[in-house]
Amino acid sequence: MRAVRRSGGWAVASLVGVAILTACPPVRLSAQDTTAARRDSVPALRRDSVRADTSHLMRPISAMWRSMVLPGWGQAATGRHTVGAILVTWEGVTAMMTLKAQQEANYMKETGSSNLKAKRQEVQDWLVLWVFNHLFAGADAFVAAHLQDFPKDLQLRAVPGGVGLSLPLPRP
């Protein structure tokens, strides 16, 4: 009796679900705009010393775990939508190529092909890329969450004799 091969329908359905979840960025809703109220309530001498509200920022461990569950989710939560889309796309490619190579290896095993060893190596290679993508996405989300409130004004310029780095700092 010939074994019936199962189709990869569940894999396709899960990839479609992942694509739908990452198609639109998360919407951040705020209950109140407190910037104007805070500015009016702080005396003029202390306005510069008030720190920005960081309660809306993603915690690094939360971002890391989100990306470990679904690569790209932690990046999207920290506002890096392009990187998140790239990671989830690569996740889909490596997952599908791993499954495709495994199906081919199963077929080669059934037919007694002499190329079975090379095909098993290909399955392992794709599996390693798949796992690496998960780990890299988690590490990237962790670092990105740490750098969310880093000033955007960092500039790197070529100067005579090397490279210069400038970071504007607020005056006390």
N, C-alpha and C. Protein backbone atom coordinates (compact mmCIF):
# COMPACT_ATOMS: atom_id res chain seq x y z
N MET A 1 0.83 -1.18 0.00
CA MET A 1 0.00 0.00 0.00
C MET A 1 0.88 1.24 0.00
N ARG A 2 0.53 2.16 -0.79
CA ARG A 2 1.31 3.39 -0.88
C ARG A 2 0.83 4.38 0.18
N ALA A 3 1.77 5.01 0.85
CA ALA A 3 1.41 5.97 1.90
C ALA A 3 0.86 7.24 1.26
N VAL A 4 -0.17 7.76 1.86
CA VAL A 4 -0.79 8.98 1.36
C VAL A 4 -0.05 10.16 1.97
N ARG A 5 0.46 11.04 1.12
CA ARG A 5 1.16 12.23 1.61
C ARG A 5 0.15 13.29 2.01
N ARG A 6 0.42 13.91 3.14
CA ARG A 6 -0.46 14.98 3.61
C ARG A 6 -0.07 16.27 2.93
N SER A 7 -1.05 17.04 2.60
CA SER A 7 -0.75 18.33 1.97
C SER A 7 -0.33 19.33 3.03
N GLY A 8 0.36 20.35 2.62
CA GLY A 8 0.82 21.39 3.54
C GLY A 8 -0.21 22.49 3.69
N GLY A 9 -1.49 22.14 3.73
CA GLY A 9 -2.55 23.13 3.83
C GLY A 9 -2.50 23.93 5.12
N TRP A 10 -2.16 23.26 6.21
CA TRP A 10 -2.07 23.98 7.49
C TRP A 10 -0.95 24.99 7.46
N ALA A 11 0.14 24.68 6.76
CA ALA A 11 1.27 25.62 6.68
C ALA A 11 0.88 26.85 5.87
N VAL A 12 0.18 26.63 4.78
CA VAL A 12 -0.25 27.75 3.95
C VAL A 12 -1.24 28.62 4.72
N ALA A 13 -2.15 27.98 5.44
CA ALA A 13 -3.14 28.73 6.22
C ALA A 13 -2.47 29.55 7.31
N SER A 14 -1.46 28.97 7.96
CA SER A 14 -0.77 29.72 9.02
C SER A 14 0.02 30.88 8.43
N LEU A 15 0.61 30.72 7.26
CA LEU A 15 1.33 31.82 6.63
C LEU A 15 0.39 32.93 6.19
N VAL A 16 -0.79 32.57 5.73
CA VAL A 16 -1.78 33.58 5.38
C VAL A 16 -2.20 34.34 6.63
N GLY A 17 -2.38 33.63 7.74
CA GLY A 17 -2.73 34.27 9.00
C GLY A 17 -1.65 35.23 9.47
N VAL A 18 -0.39 34.82 9.33
CA VAL A 18 0.73 35.69 9.71
C VAL A 18 0.75 36.93 8.83
N ALA A 19 0.53 36.77 7.55
CA ALA A 19 0.53 37.91 6.64
C ALA A 19 -0.60 38.88 6.99
N ILE A 20 -1.75 38.36 7.37
CA ILE A 20 -2.87 39.23 7.73
C ILE A 20 -2.56 39.99 9.01
N LEU A 21 -1.95 39.30 9.98
CA LEU A 21 -1.64 39.96 11.25
C LEU A 21 -0.60 41.07 11.09
N THR A 22 0.30 40.92 10.14
CA THR A 22 1.35 41.92 9.98
C THR A 22 1.08 42.90 8.85
N ALA A 23 -0.06 42.79 8.20
CA ALA A 23 -0.35 43.66 7.07
C ALA A 23 -0.56 45.11 7.49
N CYS A 24 -1.15 45.33 8.64
CA CYS A 24 -1.35 46.70 9.09
C CYS A 24 -0.67 46.89 10.44
N PRO A 25 -0.03 48.03 10.63
CA PRO A 25 0.67 48.26 11.89
C PRO A 25 -0.31 48.43 13.04
N PRO A 26 0.15 48.16 14.28
CA PRO A 26 -0.75 48.33 15.41
C PRO A 26 -1.12 49.80 15.59
N VAL A 27 -2.33 50.04 16.02
CA VAL A 27 -2.81 51.40 16.22
C VAL A 27 -2.65 51.73 17.70
N ARG A 28 -1.97 52.82 17.97
CA ARG A 28 -1.80 53.26 19.35
C ARG A 28 -2.84 54.32 19.64
N LEU A 29 -3.67 54.06 20.63
CA LEU A 29 -4.70 55.00 21.02
C LEU A 29 -4.32 55.57 22.38
N SER A 30 -4.41 56.88 22.49
CA SER A 30 -4.13 57.49 23.78
C SER A 30 -5.42 58.07 24.33
N ALA A 31 -5.58 57.95 25.64
CA ALA A 31 -6.80 58.42 26.27
C ALA A 31 -6.85 59.94 26.29
N GLN A 32 -5.72 60.58 26.52
CA GLN A 32 -5.68 62.03 26.60
C GLN A 32 -4.38 62.53 26.00
N ASP A 33 -4.42 63.73 25.55
CA ASP A 33 -3.19 64.40 25.13
C ASP A 33 -2.75 65.24 26.32
N THR A 34 -1.78 64.75 27.04
CA THR A 34 -1.36 65.41 28.28
C THR A 34 -0.21 66.38 28.07
N THR A 35 0.28 66.52 26.84
CA THR A 35 1.44 67.40 26.64
C THR A 35 1.10 68.85 26.91
N ALA A 36 -0.07 69.31 26.44
CA ALA A 36 -0.45 70.71 26.66
C ALA A 36 -0.76 70.95 28.13
N ALA A 37 -1.46 70.03 28.77
CA ALA A 37 -1.81 70.20 30.18
C ALA A 37 -0.57 70.21 31.05
N ARG A 38 0.41 69.35 30.73
CA ARG A 38 1.62 69.29 31.52
C ARG A 38 2.42 70.58 31.35
N ARG A 39 2.46 71.12 30.15
CA ARG A 39 3.21 72.34 29.89
C ARG A 39 2.63 73.51 30.68
N ASP A 40 1.31 73.56 30.78
CA ASP A 40 0.67 74.67 31.48
C ASP A 40 0.82 74.55 32.99
N SER A 41 0.92 73.32 33.51
CA SER A 41 0.96 73.15 34.96
C SER A 41 2.37 73.25 35.52
N VAL A 42 3.40 73.17 34.69
CA VAL A 42 4.78 73.24 35.17
C VAL A 42 5.23 74.69 35.16
N PRO A 43 5.83 75.14 36.26
CA PRO A 43 6.33 76.52 36.28
C PRO A 43 7.35 76.75 35.18
N ALA A 44 7.48 78.01 34.77
CA ALA A 44 8.36 78.37 33.65
C ALA A 44 9.81 77.97 33.90
N LEU A 45 10.27 78.03 35.13
CA LEU A 45 11.67 77.71 35.41
C LEU A 45 11.95 76.22 35.31
N ARG A 46 10.94 75.38 35.47
CA ARG A 46 11.17 73.94 35.49
C ARG A 46 10.71 73.24 34.22
N ARG A 47 10.26 73.94 33.23
CA ARG A 47 9.73 73.30 32.02
C ARG A 47 10.76 72.44 31.31
N ASP A 48 12.01 72.86 31.29
CA ASP A 48 13.05 72.11 30.59
C ASP A 48 13.43 70.83 31.33
N SER A 49 13.18 70.77 32.63
CA SER A 49 13.61 69.61 33.39
C SER A 49 12.56 68.50 33.43
N VAL A 50 11.39 68.69 32.84
CA VAL A 50 10.36 67.66 32.82
C VAL A 50 10.74 66.63 31.77
N ARG A 51 10.76 65.39 32.19
CA ARG A 51 11.10 64.31 31.26
C ARG A 51 9.89 63.90 30.44
N ALA A 52 10.19 63.37 29.28
CA ALA A 52 9.12 62.91 28.40
C ALA A 52 8.46 61.67 28.99
N ASP A 53 7.19 61.48 28.69
CA ASP A 53 6.45 60.32 29.16
C ASP A 53 6.92 59.09 28.40
N THR A 54 7.43 58.10 29.12
CA THR A 54 7.92 56.89 28.47
C THR A 54 7.04 55.68 28.77
N SER A 55 5.84 55.92 29.27
CA SER A 55 4.97 54.79 29.62
C SER A 55 4.45 54.05 28.39
N HIS A 56 4.47 54.69 27.23
CA HIS A 56 3.99 54.05 26.01
C HIS A 56 5.05 53.19 25.33
N LEU A 57 6.28 53.21 25.83
CA LEU A 57 7.36 52.45 25.20
C LEU A 57 7.26 50.97 25.57
N MET A 58 7.67 50.13 24.66
CA MET A 58 7.66 48.69 24.84
C MET A 58 8.84 48.28 25.73
N ARG A 59 8.59 47.40 26.67
CA ARG A 59 9.68 46.88 27.50
C ARG A 59 10.50 45.90 26.67
N PRO A 60 11.83 45.88 26.85
CA PRO A 60 12.70 45.03 26.02
C PRO A 60 12.35 43.54 26.09
N ILE A 61 12.07 43.03 27.28
CA ILE A 61 11.75 41.59 27.39
C ILE A 61 10.44 41.28 26.67
N SER A 62 9.46 42.18 26.77
CA SER A 62 8.19 41.96 26.07
C SER A 62 8.39 41.95 24.56
N ALA A 63 9.20 42.88 24.07
CA ALA A 63 9.47 42.92 22.63
C ALA A 63 10.20 41.65 22.18
N MET A 64 11.15 41.20 23.01
CA MET A 64 11.90 39.99 22.64
C MET A 64 10.96 38.78 22.56
N TRP A 65 10.10 38.61 23.56
CA TRP A 65 9.21 37.45 23.55
C TRP A 65 8.20 37.52 22.42
N ARG A 66 7.75 38.71 22.10
CA ARG A 66 6.85 38.83 20.95
C ARG A 66 7.53 38.35 19.68
N SER A 67 8.78 38.75 19.50
CA SER A 67 9.49 38.34 18.29
C SER A 67 9.91 36.88 18.32
N MET A 68 10.01 36.32 19.51
CA MET A 68 10.31 34.88 19.57
C MET A 68 9.06 34.07 19.21
N VAL A 69 7.88 34.57 19.55
CA VAL A 69 6.64 33.90 19.19
C VAL A 69 6.39 34.04 17.69
N LEU A 70 6.51 35.27 17.18
CA LEU A 70 6.30 35.53 15.77
C LEU A 70 7.31 36.59 15.33
N PRO A 71 8.36 36.20 14.64
CA PRO A 71 9.36 37.18 14.22
C PRO A 71 8.72 38.34 13.46
N GLY A 72 9.07 39.56 13.89
CA GLY A 72 8.51 40.76 13.30
C GLY A 72 7.49 41.44 14.18
N TRP A 73 6.87 40.69 15.11
CA TRP A 73 5.86 41.26 15.99
C TRP A 73 6.48 42.25 16.97
N GLY A 74 7.60 41.91 17.55
CA GLY A 74 8.29 42.82 18.47
C GLY A 74 8.79 44.06 17.75
N GLN A 75 9.25 43.90 16.52
CA GLN A 75 9.71 45.05 15.75
C GLN A 75 8.54 45.97 15.41
N ALA A 76 7.40 45.40 15.05
CA ALA A 76 6.23 46.22 14.75
C ALA A 76 5.75 46.96 15.99
N ALA A 77 5.84 46.32 17.15
CA ALA A 77 5.41 46.96 18.40
C ALA A 77 6.32 48.10 18.80
N THR A 78 7.58 48.07 18.37
CA THR A 78 8.51 49.16 18.69
C THR A 78 8.58 50.19 17.58
N GLY A 79 7.74 50.06 16.56
CA GLY A 79 7.68 51.07 15.51
C GLY A 79 8.60 50.82 14.34
N ARG A 80 9.19 49.66 14.24
CA ARG A 80 10.09 49.33 13.13
C ARG A 80 9.37 48.36 12.19
N HIS A 81 8.41 48.89 11.45
CA HIS A 81 7.52 48.06 10.63
C HIS A 81 8.23 47.42 9.45
N THR A 82 9.16 48.12 8.84
CA THR A 82 9.87 47.55 7.69
C THR A 82 10.71 46.35 8.11
N VAL A 83 11.44 46.49 9.20
CA VAL A 83 12.27 45.38 9.69
C VAL A 83 11.37 44.21 10.08
N GLY A 84 10.24 44.50 10.71
CA GLY A 84 9.30 43.44 11.07
C GLY A 84 8.78 42.70 9.86
N ALA A 85 8.46 43.44 8.80
CA ALA A 85 7.96 42.81 7.57
C ALA A 85 9.04 41.94 6.92
N ILE A 86 10.27 42.40 6.95
CA ILE A 86 11.37 41.61 6.37
C ILE A 86 11.56 40.32 7.16
N LEU A 87 11.54 40.41 8.49
CA LEU A 87 11.75 39.22 9.31
C LEU A 87 10.61 38.21 9.16
N VAL A 88 9.37 38.68 9.09
CA VAL A 88 8.27 37.74 8.95
C VAL A 88 8.25 37.14 7.54
N THR A 89 8.69 37.89 6.55
CA THR A 89 8.79 37.34 5.19
C THR A 89 9.86 36.25 5.13
N TRP A 90 11.01 36.52 5.74
CA TRP A 90 12.08 35.52 5.75
C TRP A 90 11.65 34.29 6.56
N GLU A 91 10.87 34.51 7.61
CA GLU A 91 10.33 33.39 8.39
C GLU A 91 9.48 32.49 7.50
N GLY A 92 8.63 33.10 6.69
CA GLY A 92 7.79 32.33 5.78
C GLY A 92 8.60 31.58 4.74
N VAL A 93 9.62 32.23 4.21
CA VAL A 93 10.46 31.57 3.20
C VAL A 93 11.17 30.36 3.80
N THR A 94 11.78 30.55 4.95
CA THR A 94 12.53 29.44 5.54
C THR A 94 11.60 28.32 5.98
N ALA A 95 10.42 28.66 6.49
CA ALA A 95 9.46 27.62 6.90
C ALA A 95 9.01 26.80 5.70
N MET A 96 8.63 27.48 4.64
CA MET A 96 8.14 26.77 3.47
C MET A 96 9.24 25.96 2.79
N MET A 97 10.46 26.50 2.74
CA MET A 97 11.56 25.74 2.12
C MET A 97 11.94 24.53 2.97
N THR A 98 11.85 24.65 4.30
CA THR A 98 12.12 23.50 5.16
C THR A 98 11.09 22.41 4.90
N LEU A 99 9.81 22.79 4.86
CA LEU A 99 8.76 21.81 4.61
C LEU A 99 8.86 21.20 3.22
N LYS A 100 9.18 22.02 2.24
CA LYS A 100 9.32 21.52 0.86
C LYS A 100 10.47 20.53 0.76
N ALA A 101 11.62 20.88 1.36
CA ALA A 101 12.77 19.99 1.31
C ALA A 101 12.49 18.70 2.07
N GLN A 102 11.74 18.78 3.16
CA GLN A 102 11.40 17.57 3.92
C GLN A 102 10.48 16.66 3.11
N GLN A 103 9.52 17.25 2.39
CA GLN A 103 8.65 16.43 1.53
C GLN A 103 9.45 15.76 0.43
N GLU A 104 10.41 16.49 -0.14
CA GLU A 104 11.26 15.91 -1.18
C GLU A 104 12.12 14.80 -0.61
N ALA A 105 12.61 14.98 0.62
CA ALA A 105 13.42 13.94 1.26
C ALA A 105 12.58 12.69 1.52
N ASN A 106 11.34 12.88 1.94
CA ASN A 106 10.45 11.73 2.15
C ASN A 106 10.20 10.98 0.84
N TYR A 107 10.00 11.73 -0.24
CA TYR A 107 9.79 11.10 -1.54
C TYR A 107 11.04 10.33 -1.98
N MET A 108 12.21 10.94 -1.77
CA MET A 108 13.46 10.26 -2.15
C MET A 108 13.67 9.00 -1.33
N LYS A 109 13.24 9.03 -0.07
CA LYS A 109 13.37 7.84 0.78
C LYS A 109 12.47 6.72 0.27
N GLU A 110 11.23 7.08 -0.14
CA GLU A 110 10.29 6.09 -0.68
C GLU A 110 10.81 5.47 -1.97
N THR A 111 11.44 6.28 -2.82
CA THR A 111 11.90 5.78 -4.12
C THR A 111 13.30 5.18 -4.06
N GLY A 112 13.98 5.35 -2.93
CA GLY A 112 15.32 4.78 -2.80
C GLY A 112 16.38 5.56 -3.57
N SER A 113 16.25 6.85 -3.64
CA SER A 113 17.18 7.68 -4.39
C SER A 113 18.55 7.74 -3.72
N SER A 114 19.57 7.88 -4.53
CA SER A 114 20.93 7.97 -4.00
C SER A 114 21.25 9.38 -3.50
N ASN A 115 20.41 10.34 -3.78
CA ASN A 115 20.63 11.74 -3.35
C ASN A 115 19.96 12.07 -2.02
N LEU A 116 19.53 11.06 -1.29
CA LEU A 116 18.82 11.28 -0.05
C LEU A 116 19.68 12.00 0.99
N LYS A 117 20.95 11.66 1.06
CA LYS A 117 21.84 12.29 2.05
C LYS A 117 21.96 13.80 1.79
N ALA A 118 22.10 14.19 0.53
CA ALA A 118 22.20 15.62 0.19
C ALA A 118 20.90 16.35 0.49
N LYS A 119 19.78 15.68 0.25
CA LYS A 119 18.49 16.32 0.52
C LYS A 119 18.27 16.49 2.02
N ARG A 120 18.71 15.52 2.81
CA ARG A 120 18.60 15.67 4.27
C ARG A 120 19.48 16.82 4.76
N GLN A 121 20.63 17.00 4.15
CA GLN A 121 21.49 18.13 4.50
C GLN A 121 20.79 19.46 4.16
N GLU A 122 20.09 19.49 3.04
CA GLU A 122 19.35 20.69 2.67
C GLU A 122 18.25 20.99 3.68
N VAL A 123 17.56 19.95 4.14
CA VAL A 123 16.52 20.14 5.17
C VAL A 123 17.15 20.74 6.42
N GLN A 124 18.29 20.23 6.83
CA GLN A 124 18.97 20.75 8.03
C GLN A 124 19.40 22.20 7.83
N ASP A 125 19.89 22.52 6.64
CA ASP A 125 20.32 23.90 6.37
C ASP A 125 19.16 24.88 6.50
N TRP A 126 18.02 24.54 5.89
CA TRP A 126 16.86 25.42 5.98
C TRP A 126 16.34 25.51 7.41
N LEU A 127 16.41 24.41 8.15
CA LEU A 127 15.96 24.42 9.53
C LEU A 127 16.85 25.32 10.40
N VAL A 128 18.15 25.30 10.15
CA VAL A 128 19.07 26.17 10.88
C VAL A 128 18.76 27.63 10.57
N LEU A 129 18.50 27.96 9.32
CA LEU A 129 18.14 29.33 8.96
C LEU A 129 16.84 29.75 9.63
N TRP A 130 15.91 28.83 9.73
CA TRP A 130 14.62 29.11 10.37
C TRP A 130 14.81 29.43 11.86
N VAL A 131 15.59 28.60 12.55
CA VAL A 131 15.87 28.82 13.97
C VAL A 131 16.66 30.11 14.17
N PHE A 132 17.66 30.33 13.32
CA PHE A 132 18.46 31.56 13.44
C PHE A 132 17.59 32.79 13.28
N ASN A 133 16.63 32.76 12.35
CA ASN A 133 15.74 33.90 12.16
C ASN A 133 14.95 34.19 13.43
N HIS A 134 14.48 33.14 14.11
CA HIS A 134 13.76 33.32 15.37
C HIS A 134 14.66 33.98 16.41
N LEU A 135 15.86 33.47 16.58
CA LEU A 135 16.76 34.01 17.60
C LEU A 135 17.19 35.43 17.26
N PHE A 136 17.49 35.68 15.98
CA PHE A 136 17.90 37.02 15.56
C PHE A 136 16.76 38.02 15.75
N ALA A 137 15.54 37.62 15.42
CA ALA A 137 14.40 38.51 15.58
C ALA A 137 14.20 38.88 17.05
N GLY A 138 14.35 37.91 17.94
CA GLY A 138 14.23 38.19 19.37
C GLY A 138 15.30 39.14 19.86
N ALA A 139 16.54 38.91 19.45
CA ALA A 139 17.64 39.78 19.87
C ALA A 139 17.47 41.18 19.29
N ASP A 140 17.05 41.26 18.04
CA ASP A 140 16.86 42.57 17.40
C ASP A 140 15.74 43.36 18.09
N ALA A 141 14.66 42.69 18.44
CA ALA A 141 13.55 43.38 19.13
C ALA A 141 13.98 43.84 20.51
N PHE A 142 14.79 43.04 21.20
CA PHE A 142 15.29 43.41 22.52
C PHE A 142 16.12 44.68 22.44
N VAL A 143 17.04 44.73 21.49
CA VAL A 143 17.90 45.92 21.32
C VAL A 143 17.07 47.11 20.85
N ALA A 144 16.15 46.89 19.93
CA ALA A 144 15.32 47.99 19.42
C ALA A 144 14.47 48.59 20.53
N ALA A 145 13.97 47.76 21.44
CA ALA A 145 13.17 48.28 22.55
C ALA A 145 14.03 49.12 23.50
N HIS A 146 15.28 48.73 23.67
CA HIS A 146 16.19 49.53 24.50
C HIS A 146 16.47 50.89 23.86
N LEU A 147 16.48 50.96 22.54
CA LEU A 147 16.85 52.18 21.84
C LEU A 147 15.64 53.02 21.39
N GLN A 148 14.44 52.69 21.86
CA GLN A 148 13.25 53.44 21.44
C GLN A 148 13.32 54.91 21.76
N ASP A 149 13.83 55.25 22.93
CA ASP A 149 13.86 56.65 23.33
C ASP A 149 15.20 57.31 23.06
N PHE A 150 16.03 56.66 22.27
CA PHE A 150 17.32 57.23 21.90
C PHE A 150 17.08 58.41 20.96
N PRO A 151 17.81 59.50 21.13
CA PRO A 151 17.56 60.67 20.27
C PRO A 151 17.79 60.36 18.80
N LYS A 152 16.91 60.88 17.97
CA LYS A 152 17.00 60.65 16.54
C LYS A 152 18.02 61.56 15.86
N ASP A 153 18.56 62.51 16.60
CA ASP A 153 19.46 63.51 16.03
C ASP A 153 20.91 63.05 15.94
N LEU A 154 21.19 61.80 16.20
CA LEU A 154 22.55 61.31 16.12
C LEU A 154 23.03 61.41 14.67
N GLN A 155 24.22 62.01 14.48
CA GLN A 155 24.73 62.20 13.13
C GLN A 155 26.16 61.67 13.05
N LEU A 156 26.45 61.02 11.96
CA LEU A 156 27.77 60.51 11.69
C LEU A 156 28.27 61.21 10.44
N ARG A 157 29.40 61.92 10.55
CA ARG A 157 29.92 62.69 9.42
C ARG A 157 31.40 62.41 9.20
N ALA A 158 31.81 62.55 7.96
CA ALA A 158 33.23 62.46 7.64
C ALA A 158 33.87 63.81 7.95
N VAL A 159 34.94 63.77 8.71
CA VAL A 159 35.69 64.98 9.07
C VAL A 159 37.15 64.75 8.69
N PRO A 160 37.91 65.80 8.56
CA PRO A 160 39.32 65.61 8.22
C PRO A 160 40.02 64.73 9.26
N GLY A 161 40.61 63.67 8.81
CA GLY A 161 41.34 62.78 9.70
C GLY A 161 40.50 61.66 10.29
N GLY A 162 39.27 61.44 9.84
CA GLY A 162 38.47 60.34 10.38
C GLY A 162 36.99 60.56 10.26
N VAL A 163 36.27 60.04 11.23
CA VAL A 163 34.82 60.11 11.25
C VAL A 163 34.40 60.81 12.52
N GLY A 164 33.42 61.71 12.40
CA GLY A 164 32.93 62.43 13.56
C GLY A 164 31.52 62.00 13.91
N LEU A 165 31.23 62.00 15.20
CA LEU A 165 29.93 61.61 15.70
C LEU A 165 29.40 62.77 16.53
N SER A 166 28.19 63.23 16.20
CA SER A 166 27.63 64.34 16.97
C SER A 166 26.28 63.92 17.54
N LEU A 167 26.08 64.25 18.79
CA LEU A 167 24.83 63.98 19.48
C LEU A 167 24.46 65.21 20.27
N PRO A 168 23.42 65.94 19.84
CA PRO A 168 23.05 67.14 20.57
C PRO A 168 22.47 66.77 21.93
N LEU A 169 22.98 67.44 22.96
CA LEU A 169 22.51 67.21 24.32
C LEU A 169 21.81 68.46 24.81
N PRO A 170 20.74 68.30 25.59
CA PRO A 170 20.04 69.48 26.09
C PRO A 170 20.90 70.20 27.14
N ARG A 171 20.79 71.50 27.15
CA ARG A 171 21.54 72.28 28.14
C ARG A 171 20.79 72.29 29.45
N PRO A 172 21.51 72.17 30.56
CA PRO A 172 20.83 72.19 31.86
C PRO A 172 20.32 73.55 32.24
